[in-house]
């Protein structure tokens, strides 16, 4: 895990310009906007993730008190079946938490699962996708924003939640993976 910190730093440097671009704006759409300039994603964009050599960390906000952040080491294996990417999570310190998730790209490329793609930014070999979805987080309705940072040697997923009736968002969880 010692080398993981260096790799994470490289990821931050590699995708820093994407974050700066995101702050400046970009093409956005909402679920009702089917304009031709709406951002899209294809299976080719995510195919760089396929493999079993991802190591990283999950940081999440405790559901009990909504204040304490917990970090756990996690390994990731990614497989692809056409437009669906299977993510297999292995938690070395918490094997009971091992699990699987899927990311399915819609036929028109404007959705990941039930999340609407609202922003796509590329910088060299790094890609940032931002999606939105109405959600229920810990019994509270709200809006969830997911940010996917994708590169050959770095991958992260961040979930931000804005509770209904609030302007303040909080980070529910953040997966950060690297590979050499």
N, C-alpha and C. Protein backbone atom coordinates (compact mmCIF):
# COMPACT_ATOMS: atom_id res chain seq x y z
N UNK A 1 0.81 -1.20 0.00
CA UNK A 1 0.00 0.00 0.00
C UNK A 1 0.86 1.26 0.00
N UNK A 2 2.15 1.16 0.33
CA UNK A 2 2.99 2.34 0.36
C UNK A 2 3.03 3.03 -0.98
N UNK A 3 3.21 2.27 -2.06
CA UNK A 3 3.26 2.82 -3.40
C UNK A 3 1.93 3.40 -3.84
N UNK A 4 0.85 3.02 -3.19
CA UNK A 4 -0.46 3.51 -3.54
C UNK A 4 -0.56 5.01 -3.38
N UNK A 5 0.05 5.59 -2.36
CA UNK A 5 0.02 7.03 -2.15
C UNK A 5 0.65 7.77 -3.30
N UNK A 6 1.78 7.28 -3.80
CA UNK A 6 2.45 7.89 -4.94
C UNK A 6 1.59 7.79 -6.18
N UNK A 7 0.98 6.63 -6.40
CA UNK A 7 0.12 6.46 -7.56
C UNK A 7 -1.10 7.37 -7.47
N UNK A 8 -1.67 7.52 -6.27
CA UNK A 8 -2.81 8.40 -6.11
C UNK A 8 -2.42 9.85 -6.40
N UNK A 9 -1.22 10.25 -5.98
CA UNK A 9 -0.74 11.58 -6.27
C UNK A 9 -0.62 11.78 -7.77
N UNK A 10 -0.12 10.78 -8.48
CA UNK A 10 -0.02 10.86 -9.93
C UNK A 10 -1.40 11.03 -10.55
N UNK A 11 -2.40 10.32 -9.99
CA UNK A 11 -3.74 10.45 -10.53
C UNK A 11 -4.24 11.87 -10.33
N UNK A 12 -4.03 12.44 -9.16
CA UNK A 12 -4.49 13.79 -8.89
C UNK A 12 -3.85 14.77 -9.87
N UNK A 13 -2.56 14.60 -10.13
CA UNK A 13 -1.87 15.48 -11.08
C UNK A 13 -2.41 15.27 -12.48
N UNK A 14 -2.61 14.00 -12.88
CA UNK A 14 -3.05 13.69 -14.24
C UNK A 14 -4.44 14.22 -14.53
N UNK A 15 -5.33 14.25 -13.53
CA UNK A 15 -6.69 14.68 -13.79
C UNK A 15 -6.98 16.08 -13.27
N UNK A 16 -5.98 16.76 -12.75
CA UNK A 16 -6.18 18.11 -12.23
C UNK A 16 -6.75 19.07 -13.25
N UNK A 17 -6.28 18.98 -14.48
CA UNK A 17 -6.78 19.89 -15.50
C UNK A 17 -8.24 19.60 -15.84
N UNK A 18 -8.68 18.33 -15.70
CA UNK A 18 -10.09 18.02 -15.92
C UNK A 18 -10.96 18.73 -14.89
N UNK A 19 -10.51 18.75 -13.67
CA UNK A 19 -11.27 19.42 -12.62
C UNK A 19 -11.35 20.91 -12.90
N UNK A 20 -10.24 21.49 -13.37
CA UNK A 20 -10.24 22.91 -13.71
C UNK A 20 -11.21 23.18 -14.86
N UNK A 21 -11.22 22.31 -15.86
CA UNK A 21 -12.17 22.47 -16.96
C UNK A 21 -13.60 22.35 -16.46
N UNK A 22 -13.84 21.43 -15.56
CA UNK A 22 -15.19 21.25 -15.03
C UNK A 22 -15.66 22.50 -14.30
N UNK A 23 -14.76 23.14 -13.59
CA UNK A 23 -15.11 24.36 -12.85
C UNK A 23 -15.47 25.49 -13.81
N UNK A 24 -14.91 25.45 -15.01
CA UNK A 24 -15.17 26.50 -15.99
C UNK A 24 -16.46 26.27 -16.77
N UNK A 25 -17.02 25.09 -16.64
CA UNK A 25 -18.26 24.79 -17.34
C UNK A 25 -18.05 23.71 -18.36
N UNK A 26 -19.10 23.41 -19.07
CA UNK A 26 -19.04 22.38 -20.09
C UNK A 26 -20.44 22.06 -20.55
N UNK A 27 -20.54 21.20 -21.52
CA UNK A 27 -21.85 20.83 -22.04
C UNK A 27 -22.62 20.09 -20.97
N UNK A 28 -23.79 20.56 -20.67
CA UNK A 28 -24.62 19.90 -19.68
C UNK A 28 -25.98 19.62 -20.29
N UNK A 29 -26.64 18.66 -19.75
CA UNK A 29 -28.01 18.36 -20.15
C UNK A 29 -28.73 17.82 -18.94
N UNK A 30 -30.05 17.94 -18.95
CA UNK A 30 -30.81 17.27 -17.91
C UNK A 30 -31.55 16.12 -18.57
N UNK A 31 -32.26 15.33 -17.80
CA UNK A 31 -32.87 14.12 -18.35
C UNK A 31 -33.89 14.44 -19.43
N UNK A 32 -34.44 15.65 -19.48
CA UNK A 32 -35.41 16.00 -20.50
C UNK A 32 -34.77 16.60 -21.73
N UNK A 33 -33.50 16.89 -21.71
CA UNK A 33 -32.82 17.54 -22.83
C UNK A 33 -32.16 16.50 -23.71
N UNK A 34 -32.64 16.35 -24.93
CA UNK A 34 -32.06 15.40 -25.88
C UNK A 34 -31.41 16.15 -27.03
N UNK A 35 -30.81 17.30 -26.74
CA UNK A 35 -30.14 18.10 -27.76
C UNK A 35 -28.96 17.32 -28.34
N UNK A 36 -28.63 17.59 -29.60
CA UNK A 36 -27.54 16.85 -30.23
C UNK A 36 -26.18 17.06 -29.55
N UNK A 37 -26.01 18.13 -28.80
CA UNK A 37 -24.73 18.40 -28.14
C UNK A 37 -24.65 17.77 -26.75
N UNK A 38 -25.70 17.06 -26.35
CA UNK A 38 -25.67 16.42 -25.03
C UNK A 38 -24.51 15.43 -24.98
N UNK A 39 -23.82 15.34 -23.84
CA UNK A 39 -22.67 14.44 -23.75
C UNK A 39 -23.07 12.98 -23.86
N UNK A 40 -22.16 12.17 -24.40
CA UNK A 40 -22.40 10.74 -24.53
C UNK A 40 -21.13 10.00 -24.12
N UNK A 41 -21.31 8.71 -23.87
CA UNK A 41 -20.21 7.82 -23.51
C UNK A 41 -20.42 6.52 -24.28
N UNK A 42 -19.33 5.83 -24.58
CA UNK A 42 -19.43 4.56 -25.30
C UNK A 42 -18.67 3.48 -24.52
N UNK A 43 -18.92 2.23 -24.84
CA UNK A 43 -18.16 1.16 -24.18
C UNK A 43 -16.65 1.31 -24.37
N UNK A 44 -16.22 1.84 -25.50
CA UNK A 44 -14.79 2.06 -25.72
C UNK A 44 -14.18 2.97 -24.66
N UNK A 45 -14.97 3.94 -24.16
CA UNK A 45 -14.48 4.87 -23.15
C UNK A 45 -14.15 4.16 -21.83
N UNK A 46 -14.92 3.14 -21.50
CA UNK A 46 -14.72 2.42 -20.24
C UNK A 46 -13.87 1.16 -20.38
N UNK A 47 -13.61 0.73 -21.60
CA UNK A 47 -12.89 -0.53 -21.80
C UNK A 47 -11.49 -0.51 -21.21
N UNK A 48 -10.91 0.66 -21.02
CA UNK A 48 -9.58 0.77 -20.40
C UNK A 48 -9.58 0.24 -18.96
N UNK A 49 -10.75 0.13 -18.37
CA UNK A 49 -10.86 -0.32 -16.97
C UNK A 49 -10.76 -1.84 -16.83
N UNK A 50 -10.98 -2.58 -17.90
CA UNK A 50 -11.03 -4.04 -17.81
C UNK A 50 -9.70 -4.59 -17.31
N UNK A 51 -9.77 -5.45 -16.31
CA UNK A 51 -8.59 -6.08 -15.73
C UNK A 51 -8.77 -6.33 -14.26
N UNK A 52 -7.77 -6.98 -13.66
CA UNK A 52 -7.89 -7.38 -12.25
C UNK A 52 -6.78 -6.83 -11.37
N UNK A 53 -6.09 -5.83 -11.84
CA UNK A 53 -4.94 -5.35 -11.08
C UNK A 53 -5.17 -3.99 -10.42
N UNK A 54 -6.41 -3.67 -10.10
CA UNK A 54 -6.74 -2.41 -9.45
C UNK A 54 -6.63 -2.55 -7.93
N UNK A 55 -5.94 -1.61 -7.30
CA UNK A 55 -5.86 -1.54 -5.83
C UNK A 55 -6.27 -0.15 -5.40
N UNK A 56 -6.93 -0.06 -4.27
CA UNK A 56 -7.35 1.27 -3.87
C UNK A 56 -7.95 1.33 -2.50
N UNK A 57 -8.84 2.31 -2.36
CA UNK A 57 -9.43 2.61 -1.07
C UNK A 57 -10.84 3.13 -1.27
N UNK A 58 -11.72 2.72 -0.39
CA UNK A 58 -13.07 3.27 -0.31
C UNK A 58 -13.11 4.16 0.93
N UNK A 59 -13.52 5.38 0.74
CA UNK A 59 -13.76 6.29 1.86
C UNK A 59 -15.26 6.60 1.85
N UNK A 60 -15.91 6.40 2.99
CA UNK A 60 -17.35 6.64 3.03
C UNK A 60 -17.74 7.36 4.31
N UNK A 61 -18.84 8.10 4.21
CA UNK A 61 -19.41 8.80 5.35
C UNK A 61 -20.31 7.83 6.09
N UNK A 62 -20.06 7.64 7.37
CA UNK A 62 -20.78 6.68 8.19
C UNK A 62 -22.28 6.98 8.16
N UNK A 63 -23.08 5.95 7.87
CA UNK A 63 -24.53 6.11 7.80
C UNK A 63 -25.14 6.34 9.18
N UNK A 64 -24.44 5.95 10.23
CA UNK A 64 -24.97 6.10 11.59
C UNK A 64 -24.98 7.54 12.06
N UNK A 65 -23.87 8.26 11.84
CA UNK A 65 -23.81 9.63 12.36
C UNK A 65 -23.67 10.69 11.26
N UNK A 66 -23.51 10.27 10.00
CA UNK A 66 -23.34 11.20 8.88
C UNK A 66 -22.20 12.20 9.10
N UNK A 67 -21.22 11.85 9.92
CA UNK A 67 -20.10 12.75 10.19
C UNK A 67 -18.75 12.05 10.08
N UNK A 68 -18.68 10.80 10.52
CA UNK A 68 -17.41 10.08 10.57
C UNK A 68 -17.08 9.48 9.21
N UNK A 69 -15.87 9.77 8.72
CA UNK A 69 -15.42 9.13 7.48
C UNK A 69 -14.59 7.90 7.82
N UNK A 70 -14.83 6.84 7.10
CA UNK A 70 -14.10 5.59 7.28
C UNK A 70 -13.43 5.24 5.97
N UNK A 71 -12.21 4.74 6.03
CA UNK A 71 -11.48 4.33 4.82
C UNK A 71 -11.12 2.86 4.94
N UNK A 72 -11.32 2.13 3.85
CA UNK A 72 -11.02 0.71 3.80
C UNK A 72 -10.23 0.40 2.52
N UNK A 73 -9.21 -0.46 2.61
CA UNK A 73 -8.55 -0.90 1.38
C UNK A 73 -9.51 -1.78 0.58
N UNK A 74 -9.41 -1.67 -0.75
CA UNK A 74 -10.29 -2.45 -1.63
C UNK A 74 -9.56 -2.75 -2.93
N UNK A 75 -9.78 -3.95 -3.45
CA UNK A 75 -9.25 -4.34 -4.75
C UNK A 75 -10.41 -4.45 -5.71
N UNK A 76 -10.13 -4.28 -6.99
CA UNK A 76 -11.18 -4.25 -7.99
C UNK A 76 -10.79 -5.08 -9.20
N UNK A 77 -11.75 -5.87 -9.67
CA UNK A 77 -11.63 -6.59 -10.94
C UNK A 77 -12.76 -6.08 -11.81
N UNK A 78 -12.45 -5.70 -13.06
CA UNK A 78 -13.48 -5.19 -13.97
C UNK A 78 -13.55 -6.09 -15.20
N UNK A 79 -14.75 -6.55 -15.50
CA UNK A 79 -15.01 -7.34 -16.69
C UNK A 79 -15.98 -6.61 -17.59
N UNK A 80 -16.02 -6.98 -18.86
CA UNK A 80 -16.91 -6.32 -19.81
C UNK A 80 -17.73 -7.35 -20.56
N UNK A 81 -19.03 -7.09 -20.69
CA UNK A 81 -19.94 -7.88 -21.49
C UNK A 81 -20.74 -6.90 -22.34
N UNK A 82 -20.25 -6.60 -23.53
CA UNK A 82 -20.87 -5.65 -24.46
C UNK A 82 -20.94 -4.26 -23.82
N UNK A 83 -22.12 -3.77 -23.47
CA UNK A 83 -22.29 -2.42 -22.92
C UNK A 83 -22.31 -2.41 -21.39
N UNK A 84 -22.09 -3.56 -20.78
CA UNK A 84 -22.12 -3.68 -19.32
C UNK A 84 -20.73 -3.99 -18.78
N UNK A 85 -20.33 -3.23 -17.78
CA UNK A 85 -19.05 -3.43 -17.10
C UNK A 85 -19.35 -3.95 -15.71
N UNK A 86 -18.76 -5.09 -15.37
CA UNK A 86 -18.97 -5.72 -14.07
C UNK A 86 -17.82 -5.35 -13.16
N UNK A 87 -18.13 -4.77 -12.02
CA UNK A 87 -17.13 -4.38 -11.03
C UNK A 87 -17.23 -5.34 -9.85
N UNK A 88 -16.14 -6.05 -9.58
CA UNK A 88 -16.09 -6.99 -8.46
C UNK A 88 -15.15 -6.41 -7.41
N UNK A 89 -15.72 -6.06 -6.25
CA UNK A 89 -14.97 -5.44 -5.16
C UNK A 89 -14.56 -6.49 -4.13
N UNK A 90 -13.30 -6.46 -3.73
CA UNK A 90 -12.80 -7.34 -2.69
C UNK A 90 -12.19 -6.46 -1.59
N UNK A 91 -12.70 -6.60 -0.37
CA UNK A 91 -12.21 -5.83 0.77
C UNK A 91 -11.36 -6.76 1.65
N UNK A 92 -10.02 -6.66 1.58
CA UNK A 92 -9.16 -7.58 2.33
C UNK A 92 -9.43 -7.58 3.83
N UNK A 93 -9.76 -6.42 4.40
CA UNK A 93 -9.98 -6.32 5.85
C UNK A 93 -11.43 -6.58 6.25
N UNK A 94 -12.34 -6.60 5.29
CA UNK A 94 -13.77 -6.78 5.56
C UNK A 94 -14.38 -7.69 4.50
N UNK A 95 -13.99 -8.98 4.46
CA UNK A 95 -14.47 -9.87 3.39
C UNK A 95 -16.00 -9.96 3.28
N UNK A 96 -16.71 -9.73 4.38
CA UNK A 96 -18.17 -9.77 4.32
C UNK A 96 -18.73 -8.63 3.47
N UNK A 97 -17.91 -7.62 3.19
CA UNK A 97 -18.35 -6.48 2.38
C UNK A 97 -18.09 -6.70 0.89
N UNK A 98 -17.40 -7.79 0.54
CA UNK A 98 -17.12 -8.06 -0.87
C UNK A 98 -18.42 -7.99 -1.66
N UNK A 99 -18.35 -7.48 -2.88
CA UNK A 99 -19.57 -7.35 -3.65
C UNK A 99 -19.31 -7.09 -5.12
N UNK A 100 -20.41 -6.89 -5.80
CA UNK A 100 -20.38 -6.71 -7.24
C UNK A 100 -21.35 -5.60 -7.62
N UNK A 101 -20.98 -4.84 -8.64
CA UNK A 101 -21.86 -3.80 -9.18
C UNK A 101 -21.70 -3.81 -10.70
N UNK A 102 -22.66 -3.23 -11.37
CA UNK A 102 -22.59 -3.13 -12.82
C UNK A 102 -22.73 -1.68 -13.25
N UNK A 103 -22.06 -1.35 -14.33
CA UNK A 103 -22.27 -0.08 -15.00
C UNK A 103 -22.69 -0.43 -16.42
N UNK A 104 -23.93 -0.10 -16.77
CA UNK A 104 -24.44 -0.37 -18.11
C UNK A 104 -24.64 0.94 -18.84
N UNK A 105 -24.08 1.02 -20.03
CA UNK A 105 -24.19 2.21 -20.86
C UNK A 105 -25.43 2.06 -21.74
N UNK A 106 -26.30 3.06 -21.74
CA UNK A 106 -27.51 3.01 -22.56
C UNK A 106 -27.14 3.00 -24.04
N UNK A 107 -28.08 2.57 -24.87
CA UNK A 107 -27.85 2.49 -26.32
C UNK A 107 -27.48 3.85 -26.91
N UNK A 108 -28.09 4.94 -26.40
CA UNK A 108 -27.77 6.26 -26.94
C UNK A 108 -26.55 6.89 -26.26
N UNK A 109 -25.99 6.21 -25.25
CA UNK A 109 -24.79 6.70 -24.58
C UNK A 109 -25.00 7.86 -23.64
N UNK A 110 -26.25 8.14 -23.30
CA UNK A 110 -26.53 9.30 -22.44
C UNK A 110 -26.82 8.92 -20.99
N UNK A 111 -26.75 7.61 -20.70
CA UNK A 111 -26.98 7.17 -19.33
C UNK A 111 -26.02 6.06 -18.95
N UNK A 112 -25.63 6.06 -17.67
CA UNK A 112 -24.93 4.96 -17.03
C UNK A 112 -25.92 4.43 -16.00
N UNK A 113 -26.40 3.22 -16.20
CA UNK A 113 -27.49 2.66 -15.39
C UNK A 113 -28.66 3.63 -15.47
N UNK A 114 -29.16 4.11 -14.34
CA UNK A 114 -30.26 5.08 -14.33
C UNK A 114 -29.78 6.50 -14.13
N UNK A 115 -28.50 6.73 -14.28
CA UNK A 115 -27.91 8.05 -14.09
C UNK A 115 -27.78 8.75 -15.44
N UNK A 116 -28.20 10.01 -15.51
CA UNK A 116 -28.11 10.78 -16.74
C UNK A 116 -26.76 11.47 -16.83
N UNK A 117 -26.08 11.28 -17.94
CA UNK A 117 -24.79 11.92 -18.17
C UNK A 117 -25.00 13.41 -18.42
N UNK A 118 -24.36 14.25 -17.61
CA UNK A 118 -24.52 15.70 -17.75
C UNK A 118 -23.23 16.41 -18.14
N UNK A 119 -22.11 15.73 -18.00
CA UNK A 119 -20.84 16.36 -18.36
C UNK A 119 -19.84 15.29 -18.75
N UNK A 120 -19.06 15.61 -19.79
CA UNK A 120 -17.98 14.75 -20.25
C UNK A 120 -16.81 15.67 -20.57
N UNK A 121 -15.67 15.41 -19.95
CA UNK A 121 -14.46 16.19 -20.19
C UNK A 121 -13.31 15.24 -20.41
N UNK A 122 -12.50 15.55 -21.41
CA UNK A 122 -11.32 14.73 -21.70
C UNK A 122 -10.09 15.62 -21.70
N UNK A 123 -8.99 15.05 -21.21
CA UNK A 123 -7.71 15.72 -21.24
C UNK A 123 -6.64 14.67 -21.46
N UNK A 124 -6.14 14.57 -22.66
CA UNK A 124 -5.14 13.55 -22.94
C UNK A 124 -5.73 12.17 -22.78
N UNK A 125 -5.16 11.40 -21.87
CA UNK A 125 -5.63 10.03 -21.68
C UNK A 125 -6.60 9.90 -20.51
N UNK A 126 -7.06 10.99 -19.95
CA UNK A 126 -8.00 10.95 -18.82
C UNK A 126 -9.38 11.43 -19.27
N UNK A 127 -10.40 10.80 -18.70
CA UNK A 127 -11.79 11.13 -19.01
C UNK A 127 -12.54 11.32 -17.71
N UNK A 128 -13.36 12.38 -17.65
CA UNK A 128 -14.23 12.61 -16.50
C UNK A 128 -15.67 12.59 -16.99
N UNK A 129 -16.49 11.77 -16.34
CA UNK A 129 -17.92 11.72 -16.62
C UNK A 129 -18.65 12.12 -15.35
N UNK A 130 -19.66 12.98 -15.49
CA UNK A 130 -20.48 13.38 -14.35
C UNK A 130 -21.92 13.02 -14.68
N UNK A 131 -22.57 12.32 -13.75
CA UNK A 131 -23.96 11.92 -13.94
C UNK A 131 -24.81 12.40 -12.77
N UNK A 132 -26.11 12.52 -13.02
CA UNK A 132 -27.07 12.89 -11.96
C UNK A 132 -28.19 11.87 -11.93
N UNK A 133 -28.76 11.74 -10.73
CA UNK A 133 -29.88 10.83 -10.53
C UNK A 133 -30.62 11.24 -9.27
N UNK A 134 -31.96 11.20 -9.31
CA UNK A 134 -32.73 11.36 -8.09
C UNK A 134 -32.42 10.13 -7.24
N UNK A 135 -32.31 10.33 -5.92
CA UNK A 135 -31.92 9.20 -5.09
C UNK A 135 -32.52 9.31 -3.69
N UNK A 136 -32.43 8.21 -2.99
CA UNK A 136 -32.76 8.13 -1.58
C UNK A 136 -31.45 7.79 -0.88
N UNK A 137 -30.99 8.65 -0.02
CA UNK A 137 -29.75 8.40 0.70
C UNK A 137 -30.05 8.35 2.19
N UNK A 138 -29.93 7.18 2.75
CA UNK A 138 -30.14 6.99 4.18
C UNK A 138 -31.54 7.48 4.60
N UNK A 139 -32.54 7.18 3.75
CA UNK A 139 -33.92 7.54 4.08
C UNK A 139 -34.31 8.95 3.72
N UNK A 140 -33.44 9.70 3.05
CA UNK A 140 -33.73 11.08 2.69
C UNK A 140 -33.69 11.21 1.17
N UNK A 141 -34.76 11.77 0.59
CA UNK A 141 -34.78 12.00 -0.85
C UNK A 141 -33.82 13.13 -1.20
N UNK A 142 -33.24 13.01 -2.38
CA UNK A 142 -32.32 14.05 -2.82
C UNK A 142 -31.85 13.82 -4.23
N UNK A 143 -30.76 14.49 -4.57
CA UNK A 143 -30.13 14.39 -5.88
C UNK A 143 -28.73 13.85 -5.67
N UNK A 144 -28.37 12.82 -6.43
CA UNK A 144 -27.02 12.26 -6.34
C UNK A 144 -26.25 12.61 -7.60
N UNK A 145 -25.03 13.04 -7.40
CA UNK A 145 -24.13 13.32 -8.51
C UNK A 145 -22.97 12.35 -8.39
N UNK A 146 -22.66 11.65 -9.48
CA UNK A 146 -21.56 10.71 -9.52
C UNK A 146 -20.51 11.24 -10.47
N UNK A 147 -19.27 11.24 -10.04
CA UNK A 147 -18.16 11.65 -10.90
C UNK A 147 -17.26 10.44 -11.09
N UNK A 148 -17.07 10.08 -12.35
CA UNK A 148 -16.21 8.96 -12.74
C UNK A 148 -14.96 9.55 -13.39
N UNK A 149 -13.81 9.27 -12.83
CA UNK A 149 -12.53 9.67 -13.41
C UNK A 149 -11.88 8.40 -13.94
N UNK A 150 -11.57 8.39 -15.24
CA UNK A 150 -11.13 7.16 -15.89
C UNK A 150 -9.84 7.41 -16.65
N UNK A 151 -8.83 6.61 -16.35
CA UNK A 151 -7.56 6.64 -17.06
C UNK A 151 -7.00 5.22 -17.04
N UNK A 152 -5.96 4.99 -17.81
CA UNK A 152 -5.37 3.66 -17.88
C UNK A 152 -4.88 3.17 -16.51
N UNK A 153 -4.31 4.08 -15.72
CA UNK A 153 -3.71 3.68 -14.44
C UNK A 153 -4.41 4.26 -13.22
N UNK A 154 -5.59 4.89 -13.43
CA UNK A 154 -6.31 5.49 -12.31
C UNK A 154 -7.81 5.47 -12.61
N UNK A 155 -8.60 5.20 -11.58
CA UNK A 155 -10.06 5.15 -11.71
C UNK A 155 -10.66 5.55 -10.38
N UNK A 156 -11.63 6.45 -10.42
CA UNK A 156 -12.32 6.82 -9.19
C UNK A 156 -13.80 7.05 -9.47
N UNK A 157 -14.59 6.82 -8.42
CA UNK A 157 -16.02 7.11 -8.45
C UNK A 157 -16.33 7.87 -7.17
N UNK A 158 -16.93 9.04 -7.32
CA UNK A 158 -17.31 9.85 -6.16
C UNK A 158 -18.81 10.08 -6.20
N UNK A 159 -19.47 9.85 -5.08
CA UNK A 159 -20.92 10.09 -4.96
C UNK A 159 -21.15 11.27 -4.03
N UNK A 160 -21.76 12.31 -4.59
CA UNK A 160 -22.14 13.49 -3.82
C UNK A 160 -23.67 13.49 -3.69
N UNK A 161 -24.16 13.85 -2.52
CA UNK A 161 -25.60 13.84 -2.26
C UNK A 161 -26.04 15.24 -1.83
N UNK A 162 -27.10 15.73 -2.46
CA UNK A 162 -27.74 16.98 -2.05
C UNK A 162 -29.15 16.63 -1.60
N UNK A 163 -29.42 16.71 -0.29
CA UNK A 163 -30.75 16.37 0.21
C UNK A 163 -31.81 17.32 -0.35
N UNK A 164 -33.00 16.79 -0.53
CA UNK A 164 -34.12 17.59 -1.00
C UNK A 164 -34.31 18.80 -0.09
N UNK A 165 -34.49 19.98 -0.68
CA UNK A 165 -34.70 21.20 0.10
C UNK A 165 -33.42 21.84 0.59
N UNK A 166 -32.27 21.33 0.19
CA UNK A 166 -30.98 21.87 0.63
C UNK A 166 -30.12 22.21 -0.59
N UNK A 167 -29.24 23.18 -0.41
CA UNK A 167 -28.27 23.52 -1.45
C UNK A 167 -26.91 22.91 -1.13
N UNK A 168 -26.77 22.37 0.07
CA UNK A 168 -25.48 21.85 0.51
C UNK A 168 -25.35 20.36 0.17
N UNK A 169 -24.30 20.03 -0.56
CA UNK A 169 -24.03 18.64 -0.91
C UNK A 169 -22.96 18.08 0.03
N UNK A 170 -22.99 16.78 0.22
CA UNK A 170 -21.93 16.13 0.99
C UNK A 170 -21.47 14.90 0.24
N UNK A 171 -20.23 14.50 0.48
CA UNK A 171 -19.68 13.33 -0.18
C UNK A 171 -20.05 12.09 0.63
N UNK A 172 -20.84 11.20 0.02
CA UNK A 172 -21.24 9.97 0.69
C UNK A 172 -20.12 8.93 0.60
N UNK A 173 -19.55 8.77 -0.61
CA UNK A 173 -18.45 7.82 -0.72
C UNK A 173 -17.54 8.17 -1.89
N UNK A 174 -16.33 7.59 -1.83
CA UNK A 174 -15.32 7.85 -2.85
C UNK A 174 -14.45 6.61 -2.99
N UNK A 175 -14.48 6.02 -4.16
CA UNK A 175 -13.58 4.91 -4.49
C UNK A 175 -12.42 5.49 -5.29
N UNK A 176 -11.20 5.12 -4.93
CA UNK A 176 -10.01 5.58 -5.65
C UNK A 176 -9.12 4.38 -5.89
N UNK A 177 -8.90 4.05 -7.16
CA UNK A 177 -8.09 2.90 -7.54
C UNK A 177 -6.93 3.33 -8.44
N UNK A 178 -5.83 2.60 -8.33
CA UNK A 178 -4.70 2.78 -9.22
C UNK A 178 -4.16 1.41 -9.62
N UNK A 179 -3.40 1.41 -10.69
CA UNK A 179 -2.69 0.20 -11.09
C UNK A 179 -1.41 0.61 -11.80
N UNK A 180 -0.42 -0.29 -11.73
CA UNK A 180 0.86 0.06 -12.35
C UNK A 180 0.97 -0.53 -13.73
